[in-house]
Amino acid sequence: MDESVSGWWRANALAVGAIALLVPALIVTISWNERSGVDANRGDHPITLDAGASTSYAGATVGPAAAEFTDLPLAPQDSRVVTVTIRIEPGSPAFGCTAPLLRETTGAQRQWNATDDLGREWDPEVHTFCDPDDTTPYELELDYLVPADASGPFAVELVSATGLPEFVRAVVEP
């Protein structure tokens, strides 16, 4: 029995060695491919936009951006509403973006998504998202619900698929 086992190892040594090398290589290749796909959909080169400034990004002019603390009827106690306004001048082709994110630039560097359920009356003239069908200049007006201890300065991060890996980081202070 010993001789038949060692004979099997000898006969199949090349195949076993190839499997031992190819399986880890396959795992690394798949992992690398999946990771690069994730990175391709994330901006990692910020274009910092200071207060009052504008910049060209993904064929559009973005900025200036401003922020203010706002009182809205449905905002919970122990919280604040930061209303951010960003000017967008779409180019050609039209400009589209993901929902802008508000981030603290100091301290804990917390982040918040825009919300639209704080009791603001609906106005058809107010844009709350980047409209890829709109070719005329407009202003995004976004409300962010933040804890009462969040005081700024903040940065609004705006990402467009056509502008990746760059994104706009507009610094605003209410």
Protein backbone atom coordinates (compact mmCIF):
# COMPACT_ATOMS: atom_id res chain seq x y z
CA MET A 1 0.00 0.00 0.00
CA ASP A 2 2.89 2.37 0.77
CA GLU A 3 4.38 1.84 -2.65
CA SER A 4 1.10 2.54 -4.47
CA VAL A 5 0.59 5.83 -2.55
CA SER A 6 4.10 7.07 -3.26
CA GLY A 7 3.66 5.97 -6.88
CA TRP A 8 0.48 8.03 -7.10
CA TRP A 9 2.30 11.11 -5.74
CA ARG A 10 5.11 10.60 -8.21
CA ALA A 11 2.72 10.17 -11.12
CA ASN A 12 0.64 13.23 -10.20
CA ALA A 13 3.32 15.51 -8.71
CA LEU A 14 3.22 17.95 -11.63
CA ALA A 15 -0.58 18.28 -11.50
CA VAL A 16 -0.64 18.70 -7.70
CA GLY A 17 2.13 21.32 -7.90
CA ALA A 18 0.26 23.21 -10.63
CA ILE A 19 -2.93 23.25 -8.53
CA ALA A 20 -0.98 24.41 -5.49
CA LEU A 21 0.29 27.38 -7.51
CA LEU A 22 -2.78 28.18 -9.59
CA VAL A 23 -5.42 28.22 -6.83
CA PRO A 24 -3.77 31.04 -4.82
CA ALA A 25 -3.00 32.91 -8.06
CA LEU A 26 -6.67 32.64 -9.06
CA ILE A 27 -7.83 33.93 -5.67
CA VAL A 28 -5.45 36.91 -5.86
CA THR A 29 -6.52 37.71 -9.43
CA ILE A 30 -10.25 37.63 -8.62
CA SER A 31 -9.74 39.74 -5.49
CA TRP A 32 -7.68 42.29 -7.38
CA ASN A 33 -10.24 42.52 -10.16
CA GLU A 34 -13.13 43.04 -7.75
CA ARG A 35 -11.21 45.62 -5.72
CA SER A 36 -10.29 47.66 -8.78
CA GLY A 37 -13.98 47.72 -9.77
CA VAL A 38 -14.88 49.19 -6.39
CA ASP A 39 -12.14 51.80 -6.63
CA ALA A 40 -13.25 52.81 -10.13
CA ASN A 41 -16.63 53.95 -8.75
CA ARG A 42 -15.18 56.07 -5.97
CA GLY A 43 -13.61 59.47 -6.23
CA ASP A 44 -10.22 59.71 -4.59
CA HIS A 45 -8.79 62.93 -6.08
CA PRO A 46 -10.60 65.91 -4.51
CA ILE A 47 -10.85 69.25 -6.25
CA THR A 48 -11.14 71.57 -3.26
CA LEU A 49 -13.46 74.50 -3.79
CA ASP A 50 -13.01 77.34 -1.31
CA ALA A 51 -15.89 79.59 -0.24
CA GLY A 52 -17.12 81.78 -3.10
CA ALA A 53 -15.08 79.96 -5.75
CA SER A 54 -16.16 77.83 -8.70
CA THR A 55 -14.40 75.22 -10.80
CA SER A 56 -14.77 73.30 -14.02
CA TYR A 57 -15.64 69.66 -13.34
CA ALA A 58 -16.95 66.91 -15.66
CA GLY A 59 -17.88 69.44 -18.33
CA ALA A 60 -19.84 71.70 -15.96
CA THR A 61 -19.06 74.70 -13.80
CA VAL A 62 -19.63 73.89 -10.13
CA GLY A 63 -19.81 76.61 -7.48
CA PRO A 64 -19.93 78.77 -5.62
CA ALA A 65 -21.32 76.89 -2.64
CA ALA A 66 -22.79 78.35 0.55
CA ALA A 67 -24.35 77.01 3.75
CA GLU A 68 -26.56 78.28 6.54
CA PHE A 69 -28.28 76.87 9.61
CA THR A 70 -32.03 76.70 8.93
CA ASP A 71 -35.07 76.15 11.16
CA LEU A 72 -37.43 73.60 9.64
CA PRO A 73 -40.66 72.45 11.34
CA LEU A 74 -39.94 68.70 11.47
CA ALA A 75 -36.32 68.86 12.62
CA PRO A 76 -35.93 66.95 15.90
CA GLN A 77 -34.68 68.62 19.06
CA ASP A 78 -30.94 68.38 19.71
CA SER A 79 -30.25 68.65 15.99
CA ARG A 80 -29.60 71.34 13.43
CA VAL A 81 -30.40 71.67 9.77
CA VAL A 82 -27.62 72.80 7.47
CA THR A 83 -28.97 74.06 4.16
CA VAL A 84 -26.37 73.99 1.39
CA THR A 85 -26.71 75.76 -1.94
CA ILE A 86 -24.43 74.84 -4.86
CA ARG A 87 -24.55 76.58 -8.24
CA ILE A 88 -24.38 74.21 -11.25
CA GLU A 89 -23.87 75.37 -14.81
CA PRO A 90 -24.23 72.21 -16.92
CA GLY A 91 -22.08 71.87 -19.98
CA SER A 92 -22.43 69.63 -22.95
CA PRO A 93 -23.11 66.78 -22.41
CA ALA A 94 -25.44 67.51 -19.51
CA PHE A 95 -24.14 67.11 -15.96
CA GLY A 96 -25.28 64.35 -13.61
CA CYS A 97 -24.01 63.52 -10.12
CA THR A 98 -24.64 61.32 -7.12
CA ALA A 99 -26.36 62.77 -4.05
CA PRO A 100 -23.87 65.21 -2.50
CA LEU A 101 -22.53 64.20 0.91
CA LEU A 102 -21.90 66.63 3.79
CA ARG A 103 -18.78 65.93 5.83
CA GLU A 104 -17.20 67.57 8.86
CA THR A 105 -13.73 68.80 8.01
CA THR A 106 -12.54 68.82 11.63
CA GLY A 107 -13.17 66.75 14.74
CA ALA A 108 -14.82 63.37 14.23
CA GLN A 109 -15.22 63.97 10.47
CA ARG A 110 -18.75 62.61 10.51
CA GLN A 111 -20.79 62.54 7.31
CA TRP A 112 -24.47 62.98 6.46
CA ASN A 113 -26.76 62.41 3.50
CA ALA A 114 -29.23 65.04 2.36
CA THR A 115 -32.79 64.67 3.62
CA ASP A 116 -36.05 65.98 2.22
CA ASP A 117 -38.53 65.10 4.95
CA LEU A 118 -38.06 68.00 7.38
CA GLY A 119 -41.21 69.94 6.51
CA ARG A 120 -39.89 72.26 3.79
CA GLU A 121 -42.66 73.21 1.40
CA TRP A 122 -42.26 71.78 -2.07
CA ASP A 123 -41.14 74.27 -4.70
CA PRO A 124 -40.85 73.11 -8.33
CA GLU A 125 -38.10 75.71 -8.92
CA VAL A 126 -35.81 74.21 -6.26
CA HIS A 127 -33.41 71.49 -7.44
CA THR A 128 -32.55 68.80 -4.88
CA PHE A 129 -30.51 66.60 -7.24
CA CYS A 130 -28.24 67.00 -10.25
CA ASP A 131 -30.61 66.84 -13.19
CA PRO A 132 -28.84 65.32 -16.22
CA ASP A 133 -31.70 66.54 -18.46
CA ASP A 134 -31.33 70.19 -17.43
CA THR A 135 -29.00 72.22 -19.64
CA THR A 136 -29.67 75.62 -18.03
CA PRO A 137 -27.85 76.84 -14.91
CA TYR A 138 -29.52 75.99 -11.59
CA GLU A 139 -28.80 75.82 -7.88
CA LEU A 140 -28.92 72.66 -5.82
CA GLU A 141 -30.57 73.31 -2.45
CA LEU A 142 -29.96 70.48 0.01
CA ASP A 143 -30.93 70.05 3.67
CA TYR A 144 -28.71 68.00 6.00
CA LEU A 145 -29.83 67.00 9.50
CA VAL A 146 -26.79 67.14 11.78
CA PRO A 147 -26.34 66.77 15.56
CA ALA A 148 -26.50 69.97 17.62
CA ASP A 149 -22.77 69.74 18.38
CA ALA A 150 -21.82 69.89 14.68
CA SER A 151 -20.73 73.45 14.00
CA GLY A 152 -18.53 73.28 10.91
CA PRO A 153 -16.67 73.97 8.84
CA PHE A 154 -18.17 71.39 6.51
CA ALA A 155 -17.37 70.13 3.03
CA VAL A 156 -19.96 69.10 0.46
CA GLU A 157 -18.67 66.28 -1.76
CA LEU A 158 -20.11 66.08 -5.25
CA VAL A 159 -19.23 63.10 -7.52
CA SER A 160 -20.01 62.67 -11.21
CA ALA A 161 -19.38 59.39 -13.04
CA THR A 162 -17.83 61.29 -15.95
CA GLY A 163 -15.43 63.09 -13.61
CA LEU A 164 -14.04 60.07 -11.74
CA PRO A 165 -11.56 59.62 -10.12
CA GLU A 166 -11.88 63.34 -9.28
CA PHE A 167 -14.68 64.84 -7.22
CA VAL A 168 -15.55 68.32 -5.95
CA ARG A 169 -15.13 69.06 -2.26
CA ALA A 170 -16.74 72.47 -1.62
CA VAL A 171 -15.84 73.93 1.77
CA VAL A 172 -18.80 75.71 3.41
CA GLU A 173 -19.26 77.26 6.82
CA PRO A 174 -22.71 78.29 8.06
